[in-house]
Structure formats: C-alpha cells, structure tokens
PDBML (XML) file of the C-alpha atoms, coordinates in Angstrom:
<?xml version="1.0" encoding="UTF-8" ?>
<PDBx:datablock datablockName="MODEL"
   xmlns:PDBx="http://pdbml.pdb.org/schema/pdbx-v50.xsd"
   xmlns:xsi="http://www.w3.org/2001/XMLSchema-instance"
   xsi:schemaLocation="http://pdbml.pdb.org/schema/pdbx-v50.xsd pdbx-v50.xsd">
   <PDBx:atom_siteCategory>
      <PDBx:atom_site id="1">
         <PDBx:B_iso_or_equiv>0.00</PDBx:B_iso_or_equiv>
         <PDBx:Cartn_x>17.763</PDBx:Cartn_x>
         <PDBx:Cartn_y>-35.053</PDBx:Cartn_y>
         <PDBx:Cartn_z>34.075</PDBx:Cartn_z>
         <PDBx:auth_asym_id>A</PDBx:auth_asym_id>
         <PDBx:auth_atom_id>CA</PDBx:auth_atom_id>
         <PDBx:auth_comp_id>UNK</PDBx:auth_comp_id>
         <PDBx:auth_seq_id>1</PDBx:auth_seq_id>
         <PDBx:group_PDB>ATOM</PDBx:group_PDB>
         <PDBx:label_alt_id xsi:nil="true" />
         <PDBx:label_asym_id>A</PDBx:label_asym_id>
         <PDBx:label_atom_id>CA</PDBx:label_atom_id>
         <PDBx:label_comp_id>UNK</PDBx:label_comp_id>
         <PDBx:label_entity_id>1</PDBx:label_entity_id>
         <PDBx:label_seq_id>1</PDBx:label_seq_id>
         <PDBx:occupancy>1.00</PDBx:occupancy>
         <PDBx:pdbx_PDB_model_num>1</PDBx:pdbx_PDB_model_num>
         <PDBx:type_symbol>C</PDBx:type_symbol>
      </PDBx:atom_site>
      <PDBx:atom_site id="2">
         <PDBx:B_iso_or_equiv>0.00</PDBx:B_iso_or_equiv>
         <PDBx:Cartn_x>16.655</PDBx:Cartn_x>
         <PDBx:Cartn_y>-35.772</PDBx:Cartn_y>
         <PDBx:Cartn_z>30.540</PDBx:Cartn_z>
         <PDBx:auth_asym_id>A</PDBx:auth_asym_id>
         <PDBx:auth_atom_id>CA</PDBx:auth_atom_id>
         <PDBx:auth_comp_id>UNK</PDBx:auth_comp_id>
         <PDBx:auth_seq_id>2</PDBx:auth_seq_id>
         <PDBx:group_PDB>ATOM</PDBx:group_PDB>
         <PDBx:label_alt_id xsi:nil="true" />
         <PDBx:label_asym_id>A</PDBx:label_asym_id>
         <PDBx:label_atom_id>CA</PDBx:label_atom_id>
         <PDBx:label_comp_id>UNK</PDBx:label_comp_id>
         <PDBx:label_entity_id>1</PDBx:label_entity_id>
         <PDBx:label_seq_id>2</PDBx:label_seq_id>
         <PDBx:occupancy>1.00</PDBx:occupancy>
         <PDBx:pdbx_PDB_model_num>1</PDBx:pdbx_PDB_model_num>
         <PDBx:type_symbol>C</PDBx:type_symbol>
      </PDBx:atom_site>
      <PDBx:atom_site id="3">
         <PDBx:B_iso_or_equiv>0.00</PDBx:B_iso_or_equiv>
         <PDBx:Cartn_x>19.262</PDBx:Cartn_x>
         <PDBx:Cartn_y>-35.876</PDBx:Cartn_y>
         <PDBx:Cartn_z>27.753</PDBx:Cartn_z>
         <PDBx:auth_asym_id>A</PDBx:auth_asym_id>
         <PDBx:auth_atom_id>CA</PDBx:auth_atom_id>
         <PDBx:auth_comp_id>UNK</PDBx:auth_comp_id>
         <PDBx:auth_seq_id>3</PDBx:auth_seq_id>
         <PDBx:group_PDB>ATOM</PDBx:group_PDB>
         <PDBx:label_alt_id xsi:nil="true" />
         <PDBx:label_asym_id>A</PDBx:label_asym_id>
         <PDBx:label_atom_id>CA</PDBx:label_atom_id>
         <PDBx:label_comp_id>UNK</PDBx:label_comp_id>
         <PDBx:label_entity_id>1</PDBx:label_entity_id>
         <PDBx:label_seq_id>3</PDBx:label_seq_id>
         <PDBx:occupancy>1.00</PDBx:occupancy>
         <PDBx:pdbx_PDB_model_num>1</PDBx:pdbx_PDB_model_num>
         <PDBx:type_symbol>C</PDBx:type_symbol>
      </PDBx:atom_site>
      <PDBx:atom_site id="4">
         <PDBx:B_iso_or_equiv>0.00</PDBx:B_iso_or_equiv>
         <PDBx:Cartn_x>17.000</PDBx:Cartn_x>
         <PDBx:Cartn_y>-36.126</PDBx:Cartn_y>
         <PDBx:Cartn_z>24.664</PDBx:Cartn_z>
         <PDBx:auth_asym_id>A</PDBx:auth_asym_id>
         <PDBx:auth_atom_id>CA</PDBx:auth_atom_id>
         <PDBx:auth_comp_id>UNK</PDBx:auth_comp_id>
         <PDBx:auth_seq_id>4</PDBx:auth_seq_id>
         <PDBx:group_PDB>ATOM</PDBx:group_PDB>
         <PDBx:label_alt_id xsi:nil="true" />
         <PDBx:label_asym_id>A</PDBx:label_asym_id>
         <PDBx:label_atom_id>CA</PDBx:label_atom_id>
         <PDBx:label_comp_id>UNK</PDBx:label_comp_id>
         <PDBx:label_entity_id>1</PDBx:label_entity_id>
         <PDBx:label_seq_id>4</PDBx:label_seq_id>
         <PDBx:occupancy>1.00</PDBx:occupancy>
         <PDBx:pdbx_PDB_model_num>1</PDBx:pdbx_PDB_model_num>
         <PDBx:type_symbol>C</PDBx:type_symbol>
      </PDBx:atom_site>
      <PDBx:atom_site id="5">
         <PDBx:B_iso_or_equiv>0.00</PDBx:B_iso_or_equiv>
         <PDBx:Cartn_x>13.353</PDBx:Cartn_x>
         <PDBx:Cartn_y>-35.390</PDBx:Cartn_y>
         <PDBx:Cartn_z>24.014</PDBx:Cartn_z>
         <PDBx:auth_asym_id>A</PDBx:auth_asym_id>
         <PDBx:auth_atom_id>CA</PDBx:auth_atom_id>
         <PDBx:auth_comp_id>UNK</PDBx:auth_comp_id>
         <PDBx:auth_seq_id>5</PDBx:auth_seq_id>
         <PDBx:group_PDB>ATOM</PDBx:group_PDB>
         <PDBx:label_alt_id xsi:nil="true" />
         <PDBx:label_asym_id>A</PDBx:label_asym_id>
         <PDBx:label_atom_id>CA</PDBx:label_atom_id>
         <PDBx:label_comp_id>UNK</PDBx:label_comp_id>
         <PDBx:label_entity_id>1</PDBx:label_entity_id>
         <PDBx:label_seq_id>5</PDBx:label_seq_id>
         <PDBx:occupancy>1.00</PDBx:occupancy>
         <PDBx:pdbx_PDB_model_num>1</PDBx:pdbx_PDB_model_num>
         <PDBx:type_symbol>C</PDBx:type_symbol>
      </PDBx:atom_site>
      <PDBx:atom_site id="6">
         <PDBx:B_iso_or_equiv>0.00</PDBx:B_iso_or_equiv>
         <PDBx:Cartn_x>11.343</PDBx:Cartn_x>
         <PDBx:Cartn_y>-36.600</PDBx:Cartn_y>
         <PDBx:Cartn_z>21.033</PDBx:Cartn_z>
         <PDBx:auth_asym_id>A</PDBx:auth_asym_id>
         <PDBx:auth_atom_id>CA</PDBx:auth_atom_id>
         <PDBx:auth_comp_id>UNK</PDBx:auth_comp_id>
         <PDBx:auth_seq_id>6</PDBx:auth_seq_id>
         <PDBx:group_PDB>ATOM</PDBx:group_PDB>
         <PDBx:label_alt_id xsi:nil="true" />
         <PDBx:label_asym_id>A</PDBx:label_asym_id>
         <PDBx:label_atom_id>CA</PDBx:label_atom_id>
         <PDBx:label_comp_id>UNK</PDBx:label_comp_id>
         <PDBx:label_entity_id>1</PDBx:label_entity_id>
         <PDBx:label_seq_id>6</PDBx:label_seq_id>
         <PDBx:occupancy>1.00</PDBx:occupancy>
         <PDBx:pdbx_PDB_model_num>1</PDBx:pdbx_PDB_model_num>
         <PDBx:type_symbol>C</PDBx:type_symbol>
      </PDBx:atom_site>
      <PDBx:atom_site id="7">
         <PDBx:B_iso_or_equiv>0.00</PDBx:B_iso_or_equiv>
         <PDBx:Cartn_x>7.881</PDBx:Cartn_x>
         <PDBx:Cartn_y>-35.083</PDBx:Cartn_y>
         <PDBx:Cartn_z>21.069</PDBx:Cartn_z>
         <PDBx:auth_asym_id>A</PDBx:auth_asym_id>
         <PDBx:auth_atom_id>CA</PDBx:auth_atom_id>
         <PDBx:auth_comp_id>UNK</PDBx:auth_comp_id>
         <PDBx:auth_seq_id>7</PDBx:auth_seq_id>
         <PDBx:group_PDB>ATOM</PDBx:group_PDB>
         <PDBx:label_alt_id xsi:nil="true" />
         <PDBx:label_asym_id>A</PDBx:label_asym_id>
         <PDBx:label_atom_id>CA</PDBx:label_atom_id>
         <PDBx:label_comp_id>UNK</PDBx:label_comp_id>
         <PDBx:label_entity_id>1</PDBx:label_entity_id>
         <PDBx:label_seq_id>7</PDBx:label_seq_id>
         <PDBx:occupancy>1.00</PDBx:occupancy>
         <PDBx:pdbx_PDB_model_num>1</PDBx:pdbx_PDB_model_num>
         <PDBx:type_symbol>C</PDBx:type_symbol>
      </PDBx:atom_site>
      <PDBx:atom_site id="8">
         <PDBx:B_iso_or_equiv>0.00</PDBx:B_iso_or_equiv>
         <PDBx:Cartn_x>4.837</PDBx:Cartn_x>
         <PDBx:Cartn_y>-34.424</PDBx:Cartn_y>
         <PDBx:Cartn_z>18.958</PDBx:Cartn_z>
         <PDBx:auth_asym_id>A</PDBx:auth_asym_id>
         <PDBx:auth_atom_id>CA</PDBx:auth_atom_id>
         <PDBx:auth_comp_id>UNK</PDBx:auth_comp_id>
         <PDBx:auth_seq_id>8</PDBx:auth_seq_id>
         <PDBx:group_PDB>ATOM</PDBx:group_PDB>
         <PDBx:label_alt_id xsi:nil="true" />
         <PDBx:label_asym_id>A</PDBx:label_asym_id>
         <PDBx:label_atom_id>CA</PDBx:label_atom_id>
         <PDBx:label_comp_id>UNK</PDBx:label_comp_id>
         <PDBx:label_entity_id>1</PDBx:label_entity_id>
         <PDBx:label_seq_id>8</PDBx:label_seq_id>
         <PDBx:occupancy>1.00</PDBx:occupancy>
         <PDBx:pdbx_PDB_model_num>1</PDBx:pdbx_PDB_model_num>
         <PDBx:type_symbol>C</PDBx:type_symbol>
      </PDBx:atom_site>
      <PDBx:atom_site id="9">
         <PDBx:B_iso_or_equiv>0.00</PDBx:B_iso_or_equiv>
         <PDBx:Cartn_x>4.348</PDBx:Cartn_x>
         <PDBx:Cartn_y>-30.737</PDBx:Cartn_y>
         <PDBx:Cartn_z>18.126</PDBx:Cartn_z>
         <PDBx:auth_asym_id>A</PDBx:auth_asym_id>
         <PDBx:auth_atom_id>CA</PDBx:auth_atom_id>
         <PDBx:auth_comp_id>UNK</PDBx:auth_comp_id>
         <PDBx:auth_seq_id>9</PDBx:auth_seq_id>
         <PDBx:group_PDB>ATOM</PDBx:group_PDB>
         <PDBx:label_alt_id xsi:nil="true" />
         <PDBx:label_asym_id>A</PDBx:label_asym_id>
         <PDBx:label_atom_id>CA</PDBx:label_atom_id>
         <PDBx:label_comp_id>UNK</PDBx:label_comp_id>
         <PDBx:label_entity_id>1</PDBx:label_entity_id>
         <PDBx:label_seq_id>9</PDBx:label_seq_id>
         <PDBx:occupancy>1.00</PDBx:occupancy>
         <PDBx:pdbx_PDB_model_num>1</PDBx:pdbx_PDB_model_num>
         <PDBx:type_symbol>C</PDBx:type_symbol>
      </PDBx:atom_site>
      <PDBx:atom_site id="10">
         <PDBx:B_iso_or_equiv>0.00</PDBx:B_iso_or_equiv>
         <PDBx:Cartn_x>1.695</PDBx:Cartn_x>
         <PDBx:Cartn_y>-28.689</PDBx:Cartn_y>
         <PDBx:Cartn_z>16.399</PDBx:Cartn_z>
         <PDBx:auth_asym_id>A</PDBx:auth_asym_id>
         <PDBx:auth_atom_id>CA</PDBx:auth_atom_id>
         <PDBx:auth_comp_id>UNK</PDBx:auth_comp_id>
         <PDBx:auth_seq_id>10</PDBx:auth_seq_id>
         <PDBx:group_PDB>ATOM</PDBx:group_PDB>
         <PDBx:label_alt_id xsi:nil="true" />
         <PDBx:label_asym_id>A</PDBx:label_asym_id>
         <PDBx:label_atom_id>CA</PDBx:label_atom_id>
         <PDBx:label_comp_id>UNK</PDBx:label_comp_id>
         <PDBx:label_entity_id>1</PDBx:label_entity_id>
         <PDBx:label_seq_id>10</PDBx:label_seq_id>
         <PDBx:occupancy>1.00</PDBx:occupancy>
         <PDBx:pdbx_PDB_model_num>1</PDBx:pdbx_PDB_model_num>
         <PDBx:type_symbol>C</PDBx:type_symbol>
      </PDBx:atom_site>
      <PDBx:atom_site id="11">
         <PDBx:B_iso_or_equiv>0.00</PDBx:B_iso_or_equiv>
         <PDBx:Cartn_x>1.568</PDBx:Cartn_x>
         <PDBx:Cartn_y>-25.341</PDBx:Cartn_y>
         <PDBx:Cartn_z>14.707</PDBx:Cartn_z>
         <PDBx:auth_asym_id>A</PDBx:auth_asym_id>
         <PDBx:auth_atom_id>CA</PDBx:auth_atom_id>
         <PDBx:auth_comp_id>UNK</PDBx:auth_comp_id>
         <PDBx:auth_seq_id>11</PDBx:auth_seq_id>
         <PDBx:group_PDB>ATOM</PDBx:group_PDB>
         <PDBx:label_alt_id xsi:nil="true" />
         <PDBx:label_asym_id>A</PDBx:label_asym_id>
         <PDBx:label_atom_id>CA</PDBx:label_atom_id>
         <PDBx:label_comp_id>UNK</PDBx:label_comp_id>
         <PDBx:label_entity_id>1</PDBx:label_entity_id>
         <PDBx:label_seq_id>11</PDBx:label_seq_id>
         <PDBx:occupancy>1.00</PDBx:occupancy>
         <PDBx:pdbx_PDB_model_num>1</PDBx:pdbx_PDB_model_num>
         <PDBx:type_symbol>C</PDBx:type_symbol>
      </PDBx:atom_site>
      <PDBx:atom_site id="12">
         <PDBx:B_iso_or_equiv>0.00</PDBx:B_iso_or_equiv>
         <PDBx:Cartn_x>-2.203</PDBx:Cartn_x>
         <PDBx:Cartn_y>-25.091</PDBx:Cartn_y>
         <PDBx:Cartn_z>15.302</PDBx:Cartn_z>
         <PDBx:auth_asym_id>A</PDBx:auth_asym_id>
         <PDBx:auth_atom_id>CA</PDBx:auth_atom_id>
         <PDBx:auth_comp_id>UNK</PDBx:auth_comp_id>
         <PDBx:auth_seq_id>12</PDBx:auth_seq_id>
         <PDBx:group_PDB>ATOM</PDBx:group_PDB>
         <PDBx:label_alt_id xsi:nil="true" />
         <PDBx:label_asym_id>A</PDBx:label_asym_id>
         <PDBx:label_atom_id>CA</PDBx:label_atom_id>
         <PDBx:label_comp_id>UNK</PDBx:label_comp_id>
         <PDBx:label_entity_id>1</PDBx:label_entity_id>
         <PDBx:label_seq_id>12</PDBx:label_seq_id>
         <PDBx:occupancy>1.00</PDBx:occupancy>
         <PDBx:pdbx_PDB_model_num>1</PDBx:pdbx_PDB_model_num>
         <PDBx:type_symbol>C</PDBx:type_symbol>
      </PDBx:atom_site>
      <PDBx:atom_site id="13">
         <PDBx:B_iso_or_equiv>0.00</PDBx:B_iso_or_equiv>
         <PDBx:Cartn_x>-4.521</PDBx:Cartn_x>
         <PDBx:Cartn_y>-26.030</PDBx:Cartn_y>
         <PDBx:Cartn_z>18.156</PDBx:Cartn_z>
         <PDBx:auth_asym_id>A</PDBx:auth_asym_id>
         <PDBx:auth_atom_id>CA</PDBx:auth_atom_id>
         <PDBx:auth_comp_id>UNK</PDBx:auth_comp_id>
         <PDBx:auth_seq_id>13</PDBx:auth_seq_id>
         <PDBx:group_PDB>ATOM</PDBx:group_PDB>
         <PDBx:label_alt_id xsi:nil="true" />
         <PDBx:label_asym_id>A</PDBx:label_asym_id>
         <PDBx:label_atom_id>CA</PDBx:label_atom_id>
         <PDBx:label_comp_id>UNK</PDBx:label_comp_id>
         <PDBx:label_entity_id>1</PDBx:label_entity_id>
         <PDBx:label_seq_id>13</PDBx:label_seq_id>
         <PDBx:occupancy>1.00</PDBx:occupancy>
         <PDBx:pdbx_PDB_model_num>1</PDBx:pdbx_PDB_model_num>
         <PDBx:type_symbol>C</PDBx:type_symbol>
      </PDBx:atom_site>
      <PDBx:atom_site id="14">
         <PDBx:B_iso_or_equiv>0.00</PDBx:B_iso_or_equiv>
         <PDBx:Cartn_x>-5.898</PDBx:Cartn_x>
         <PDBx:Cartn_y>-29.388</PDBx:Cartn_y>
         <PDBx:Cartn_z>17.147</PDBx:Cartn_z>
         <PDBx:auth_asym_id>A</PDBx:auth_asym_id>
         <PDBx:auth_atom_id>CA</PDBx:auth_atom_id>
         <PDBx:auth_comp_id>UNK</PDBx:auth_comp_id>
         <PDBx:auth_seq_id>14</PDBx:auth_seq_id>
         <PDBx:group_PDB>ATOM</PDBx:group_PDB>
         <PDBx:label_alt_id xsi:nil="true" />
         <PDBx:label_asym_id>A</PDBx:label_asym_id>
         <PDBx:label_atom_id>CA</PDBx:label_atom_id>
         <PDBx:label_comp_id>UNK</PDBx:label_comp_id>
         <PDBx:label_entity_id>1</PDBx:label_entity_id>
         <PDBx:label_seq_id>14</PDBx:label_seq_id>
         <PDBx:occupancy>1.00</PDBx:occupancy>
         <PDBx:pdbx_PDB_model_num>1</PDBx:pdbx_PDB_model_num>
         <PDBx:type_symbol>C</PDBx:type_symbol>
      </PDBx:atom_site>
      <PDBx:atom_site id="15">
         <PDBx:B_iso_or_equiv>0.00</PDBx:B_iso_or_equiv>
         <PDBx:Cartn_x>-6.910</PDBx:Cartn_x>
         <PDBx:Cartn_y>-30.269</PDBx:Cartn_y>
         <PDBx:Cartn_z>20.709</PDBx:Cartn_z>
         <PDBx:auth_asym_id>A</PDBx:auth_asym_id>
         <PDBx:auth_atom_id>CA</PDBx:auth_atom_id>
         <PDBx:auth_comp_id>UNK</PDBx:auth_comp_id>
         <PDBx:auth_seq_id>15</PDBx:auth_seq_id>
         <PDBx:group_PDB>ATOM</PDBx:group_PDB>
         <PDBx:label_alt_id xsi:nil="true" />
         <PDBx:label_asym_id>A</PDBx:label_asym_id>
         <PDBx:label_atom_id>CA</PDBx:label_atom_id>
         <PDBx:label_comp_id>UNK</PDBx:label_comp_id>
         <PDBx:label_entity_id>1</PDBx:label_entity_id>
         <PDBx:label_seq_id>15</PDBx:label_seq_id>
         <PDBx:occupancy>1.00</PDBx:occupancy>
         <PDBx:pdbx_PDB_model_num>1</PDBx:pdbx_PDB_model_num>
         <PDBx:type_symbol>C</PDBx:type_symbol>
      </PDBx:atom_site>
      <PDBx:atom_site id="16">
         <PDBx:B_iso_or_equiv>0.00</PDBx:B_iso_or_equiv>
         <PDBx:Cartn_x>-8.585</PDBx:Cartn_x>
         <PDBx:Cartn_y>-27.924</PDBx:Cartn_y>
         <PDBx:Cartn_z>23.230</PDBx:Cartn_z>
         <PDBx:auth_asym_id>A</PDBx:auth_asym_id>
         <PDBx:auth_atom_id>CA</PDBx:auth_atom_id>
         <PDBx:auth_comp_id>UNK</PDBx:auth_comp_id>
         <PDBx:auth_seq_id>16</PDBx:auth_seq_id>
         <PDBx:group_PDB>ATOM</PDBx:group_PDB>
         <PDBx:label_alt_id xsi:nil="true" />
         <PDBx:label_asym_id>A</PDBx:label_asym_id>
         <PDBx:label_atom_id>CA</PDBx:label_atom_id>
         <PDBx:label_comp_id>UNK</PDBx:label_comp_id>
         <PDBx:label_entity_id>1</PDBx:label_entity_id>
         <PDBx:label_seq_id>16</PDBx:label_seq_id>
         <PDBx:occupancy>1.00</PDBx:occupancy>
         <PDBx:pdbx_PDB_model_num>1</PDBx:pdbx_PDB_model_num>
         <PDBx:type_symbol>C</PDBx:type_symbol>
      </PDBx:atom_site>
      <PDBx:atom_site id="17">
         <PDBx:B_iso_or_equiv>0.00</PDBx:B_iso_or_equiv>
         <PDBx:Cartn_x>-6.012</PDBx:Cartn_x>
         <PDBx:Cartn_y>-26.566</PDBx:Cartn_y>
         <PDBx:Cartn_z>25.616</PDBx:Cartn_z>
         <PDBx:auth_asym_id>A</PDBx:auth_asym_id>
         <PDBx:auth_atom_id>CA</PDBx:auth_atom_id>
         <PDBx:auth_comp_id>UNK</PDBx:auth_comp_id>
         <PDBx:auth_seq_id>17</PDBx:auth_seq_id>
         <PDBx:group_PDB>ATOM</PDBx:group_PDB>
         <PDBx:label_alt_id xsi:nil="true" />
         <PDBx:label_asym_id>A</PDBx:label_asym_id>
         <PDBx:label_atom_id>CA</PDBx:label_atom_id>
         <PDBx:label_comp_id>UNK</PDBx:label_comp_id>
         <PDBx:label_entity_id>1</PDBx:label_entity_id>
         <PDBx:label_seq_id>17</PDBx:label_seq_id>
         <PDBx:occupancy>1.00</PDBx:occupancy>
         <PDBx:pdbx_PDB_model_num>1</PDBx:pdbx_PDB_model_num>
         <PDBx:type_symbol>C</PDBx:type_symbol>
      </PDBx:atom_site>
      <PDBx:atom_site id="18">
         <PDBx:B_iso_or_equiv>0.00</PDBx:B_iso_or_equiv>
         <PDBx:Cartn_x>-3.016</PDBx:Cartn_x>
         <PDBx:Cartn_y>-27.829</PDBx:Cartn_y>
         <PDBx:Cartn_z>23.634</PDBx:Cartn_z>
         <PDBx:auth_asym_id>A</PDBx:auth_asym_id>
         <PDBx:auth_atom_id>CA</PDBx:auth_atom_id>
         <PDBx:auth_comp_id>UNK</PDBx:auth_comp_id>
         <PDBx:auth_seq_id>18</PDBx:auth_seq_id>
         <PDBx:group_PDB>ATOM</PDBx:group_PDB>
         <PDBx:label_alt_id xsi:nil="true" />
         <PDBx:label_asym_id>A</PDBx:label_asym_id>
         <PDBx:label_atom_id>CA</PDBx:label_atom_id>
         <PDBx:label_comp_id>UNK</PDBx:label_comp_id>
         <PDBx:label_entity_id>1</PDBx:label_entity_id>
         <PDBx:label_seq_id>18</PDBx:label_seq_id>
         <PDBx:occupancy>1.00</PDBx:occupancy>
         <PDBx:pdbx_PDB_model_num>1</PDBx:pdbx_PDB_model_num>
         <PDBx:type_symbol>C</PDBx:type_symbol>
      </PDBx:atom_site>
      <PDBx:atom_site id="19">
         <PDBx:B_iso_or_equiv>0.00</PDBx:B_iso_or_equiv>
         <PDBx:Cartn_x>0.227</PDBx:Cartn_x>
         <PDBx:Cartn_y>-25.886</PDBx:Cartn_y>
         <PDBx:Cartn_z>23.483</PDBx:Cartn_z>
         <PDBx:auth_asym_id>A</PDBx:auth_asym_id>
         <PDBx:auth_atom_id>CA</PDBx:auth_atom_id>
         <PDBx:auth_comp_id>UNK</PDBx:auth_comp_id>
         <PDBx:auth_seq_id>19</PDBx:auth_seq_id>
         <PDBx:group_PDB>ATOM</PDBx:group_PDB>
         <PDBx:label_alt_id xsi:nil="true" />
         <PDBx:label_asym_id>A</PDBx:label_asym_id>
         <PDBx:label_atom_id>CA</PDBx:label_atom_id>
         <PDBx:label_comp_id>UNK</PDBx:label_comp_id>
         <PDBx:label_entity_id>1</PDBx:label_entity_id>
         <PDBx:label_seq_id>19</PDBx:label_seq_id>
         <PDBx:occupancy>1.00</PDBx:occupancy>
         <PDBx:pdbx_PDB_model_num>1</PDBx:pdbx_PDB_model_num>
         <PDBx:type_symbol>C</PDBx:type_symbol>
      </PDBx:atom_site>
      <PDBx:atom_site id="20">
         <PDBx:B_iso_or_equiv>0.00</PDBx:B_iso_or_equiv>
         <PDBx:Cartn_x>1.807</PDBx:Cartn_x>
         <PDBx:Cartn_y>-24.572</PDBx:Cartn_y>
         <PDBx:Cartn_z>20.274</PDBx:Cartn_z>
         <PDBx:auth_asym_id>A</PDBx:auth_asym_id>
         <PDBx:auth_atom_id>CA</PDBx:auth_atom_id>
         <PDBx:auth_comp_id>UNK</PDBx:auth_comp_id>
         <PDBx:auth_seq_id>20</PDBx:auth_seq_id>
         <PDBx:group_PDB>ATOM</PDBx:group_PDB>
         <PDBx:label_alt_id xsi:nil="true" />
         <PDBx:label_asym_id>A</PDBx:label_asym_id>
         <PDBx:label_atom_id>CA</PDBx:label_atom_id>
         <PDBx:label_comp_id>UNK</PDBx:label_comp_id>
         <PDBx:label_entity_id>1</PDBx:label_entity_id>
         <PDBx:label_seq_id>20</PDBx:label_seq_id>
         <PDBx:occupancy>1.00</PDBx:occupancy>
         <PDBx:pdbx_PDB_model_num>1</PDBx:pdbx_PDB_model_num>
         <PDBx:type_symbol>C</PDBx:type_symbol>
      </PDBx:atom_site>
      <PDBx:atom_site id="21">
         <PDBx:B_iso_or_equiv>0.00</PDBx:B_iso_or_equiv>
         <PDBx:Cartn_x>5.149</PDBx:Cartn_x>
         <PDBx:Cartn_y>-25.692</PDBx:Cartn_y>
         <PDBx:Cartn_z>18.909</PDBx:Cartn_z>
         <PDBx:auth_asym_id>A</PDBx:auth_asym_id>
         <PDBx:auth_atom_id>CA</PDBx:auth_atom_id>
         <PDBx:auth_comp_id>UNK</PDBx:auth_comp_id>
         <PDBx:auth_seq_id>21</PDBx:auth_seq_id>
         <PDBx:group_PDB>ATOM</PDBx:group_PDB>
         <PDBx:label_alt_id xsi:nil="true" />
         <PDBx:label_asym_id>A</PDBx:label_asym_id>
         <PDBx:label_atom_id>CA</PDBx:label_atom_id>
         <PDBx:label_comp_id>UNK</PDBx:label_comp_id>
         <PDBx:label_entity_id>1</PDBx:label_entity_id>
         <PDBx:label_seq_id>21</PDBx:label_seq_id>
         <PDBx:occupancy>1.00</PDBx:occupancy>
         <PDBx:pdbx_PDB_model_num>1</PDBx:pdbx_PDB_model_num>
         <PDBx:type_symbol>C</PDBx:type_symbol>
      </PDBx:atom_site>
      <PDBx:atom_site id="22">
         <PDBx:B_iso_or_equiv>0.00</PDBx:B_iso_or_equiv>
         <PDBx:Cartn_x>6.560</PDBx:Cartn_x>
         <PDBx:Cartn_y>-22.243</PDBx:Cartn_y>
         <PDBx:Cartn_z>19.755</PDBx:Cartn_z>
         <PDBx:auth_asym_id>A</PDBx:auth_asym_id>
         <PDBx:auth_atom_id>CA</PDBx:auth_atom_id>
         <PDBx:auth_comp_id>UNK</PDBx:auth_comp_id>
         <PDBx:auth_seq_id>22</PDBx:auth_seq_id>
         <PDBx:group_PDB>ATOM</PDBx:group_PDB>
         <PDBx:label_alt_id xsi:nil="true" />
         <PDBx:label_asym_id>A</PDBx:label_asym_id>
         <PDBx:label_atom_id>CA</PDBx:label_atom_id>
         <PDBx:label_comp_id>UNK</PDBx:label_comp_id>
         <PDBx:label_entity_id>1</PDBx:label_entity_id>
         <PDBx:label_seq_id>22</PDBx:label_seq_id>
         <PDBx:occupancy>1.00</PDBx:occupancy>
         <PDBx:pdbx_PDB_model_num>1</PDBx:pdbx_PDB_model_num>
         <PDBx:type_symbol>C</PDBx:type_symbol>
      </PDBx:atom_site>
      <PDBx:atom_site id="23">
         <PDBx:B_iso_or_equiv>0.00</PDBx:B_iso_or_equiv>
         <PDBx:Cartn_x>5.495</PDBx:Cartn_x>
         <PDBx:Cartn_y>-22.588</PDBx:Cartn_y>
         <PDBx:Cartn_z>23.390</PDBx:Cartn_z>
         <PDBx:auth_asym_id>A</PDBx:auth_asym_id>
         <PDBx:auth_atom_id>CA</PDBx:auth_atom_id>
         <PDBx:auth_comp_id>UNK</PDBx:auth_comp_id>
         <PDBx:auth_seq_id>23</PDBx:auth_seq_id>
         <PDBx:group_PDB>ATOM</PDBx:group_PDB>
         <PDBx:label_alt_id xsi:nil="true" />
         <PDBx:label_asym_id>A</PDBx:label_asym_id>
         <PDBx:label_atom_id>CA</PDBx:label_atom_id>
         <PDBx:label_comp_id>UNK</PDBx:label_comp_id>
         <PDBx:label_entity_id>1</PDBx:label_entity_id>
         <PDBx:label_seq_id>23</PDBx:label_seq_id>
         <PDBx:occupancy>1.00</PDBx:occupancy>
         <PDBx:pdbx_PDB_model_num>1</PDBx:pdbx_PDB_model_num>
         <PDBx:type_symbol>C</PDBx:type_symbol>
      </PDBx:atom_site>
      <PDBx:atom_site id="24">
         <PDBx:B_iso_or_equiv>0.00</PDBx:B_iso_or_equiv>
         <PDBx:Cartn_x>7.121</PDBx:Cartn_x>
         <PDBx:Cartn_y>-26.041</PDBx:Cartn_y>
         <PDBx:Cartn_z>23.620</PDBx:Cartn_z>
         <PDBx:auth_asym_id>A</PDBx:auth_asym_id>
         <PDBx:auth_atom_id>CA</PDBx:auth_atom_id>
         <PDBx:auth_comp_id>UNK</PDBx:auth_comp_id>
         <PDBx:auth_seq_id>24</PDBx:auth_seq_id>
         <PDBx:group_PDB>ATOM</PDBx:group_PDB>
         <PDBx:label_alt_id xsi:nil="true" />
         <PDBx:label_asym_id>A</PDBx:label_asym_id>
         <PDBx:label_atom_id>CA</PDBx:label_atom_id>
         <PDBx:label_comp_id>UNK</PDBx:label_comp_id>
         <PDBx:label_entity_id>1</PDBx:label_entity_id>
         <PDBx:label_seq_id>24</PDBx:label_seq_id>
         <PDBx:occupancy>1.00</PDBx:occupancy>
         <PDBx:pdbx_PDB_model_num>1</PDBx:pdbx_PDB_model_num>
         <PDBx:type_symbol>C</PDBx:type_symbol>
      </PDBx:atom_site>
      <PDBx:atom_site id="25">
         <PDBx:B_iso_or_equiv>0.00</PDBx:B_iso_or_equiv>
         <PDBx:Cartn_x>10.361</PDBx:Cartn_x>
         <PDBx:Cartn_y>-24.740</PDBx:Cartn_y>
         <PDBx:Cartn_z>21.993</PDBx:Cartn_z>
         <PDBx:auth_asym_id>A</PDBx:auth_asym_id>
         <PDBx:auth_atom_id>CA</PDBx:auth_atom_id>
         <PDBx:auth_comp_id>UNK</PDBx:auth_comp_id>
         <PDBx:auth_seq_id>25</PDBx:auth_seq_id>
         <PDBx:group_PDB>ATOM</PDBx:group_PDB>
         <PDBx:label_alt_id xsi:nil="true" />
         <PDBx:label_asym_id>A</PDBx:label_asym_id>
         <PDBx:label_atom_id>CA</PDBx:label_atom_id>
         <PDBx:label_comp_id>UNK</PDBx:label_comp_id>
         <PDBx:label_entity_id>1</PDBx:label_entity_id>
         <PDBx:label_seq_id>25</PDBx:label_seq_id>
         <PDBx:occupancy>1.00</PDBx:occupancy>
         <PDBx:pdbx_PDB_model_num>1</PDBx:pdbx_PDB_model_num>
         <PDBx:type_symbol>C</PDBx:type_symbol>
      </PDBx:atom_site>
   </PDBx:atom_siteCategory>
</PDBx:datablock>
C-alpha cells in the first residue's frame, strides 16, 4: 500500500543487527 519509499541504507554494518543495502533492495 506504499507508493514510494525513501530510506537510509548502508553497505556495511554500522549498527549491530542492521541489514545491508543489498538485503533491503
């Protein structure tokens, strides 16, 4: 139900348990 998403992404784990850009994509 969402048309557009603007989100922070990261190529490296800066925060414990964070997801990578590739995982988000």
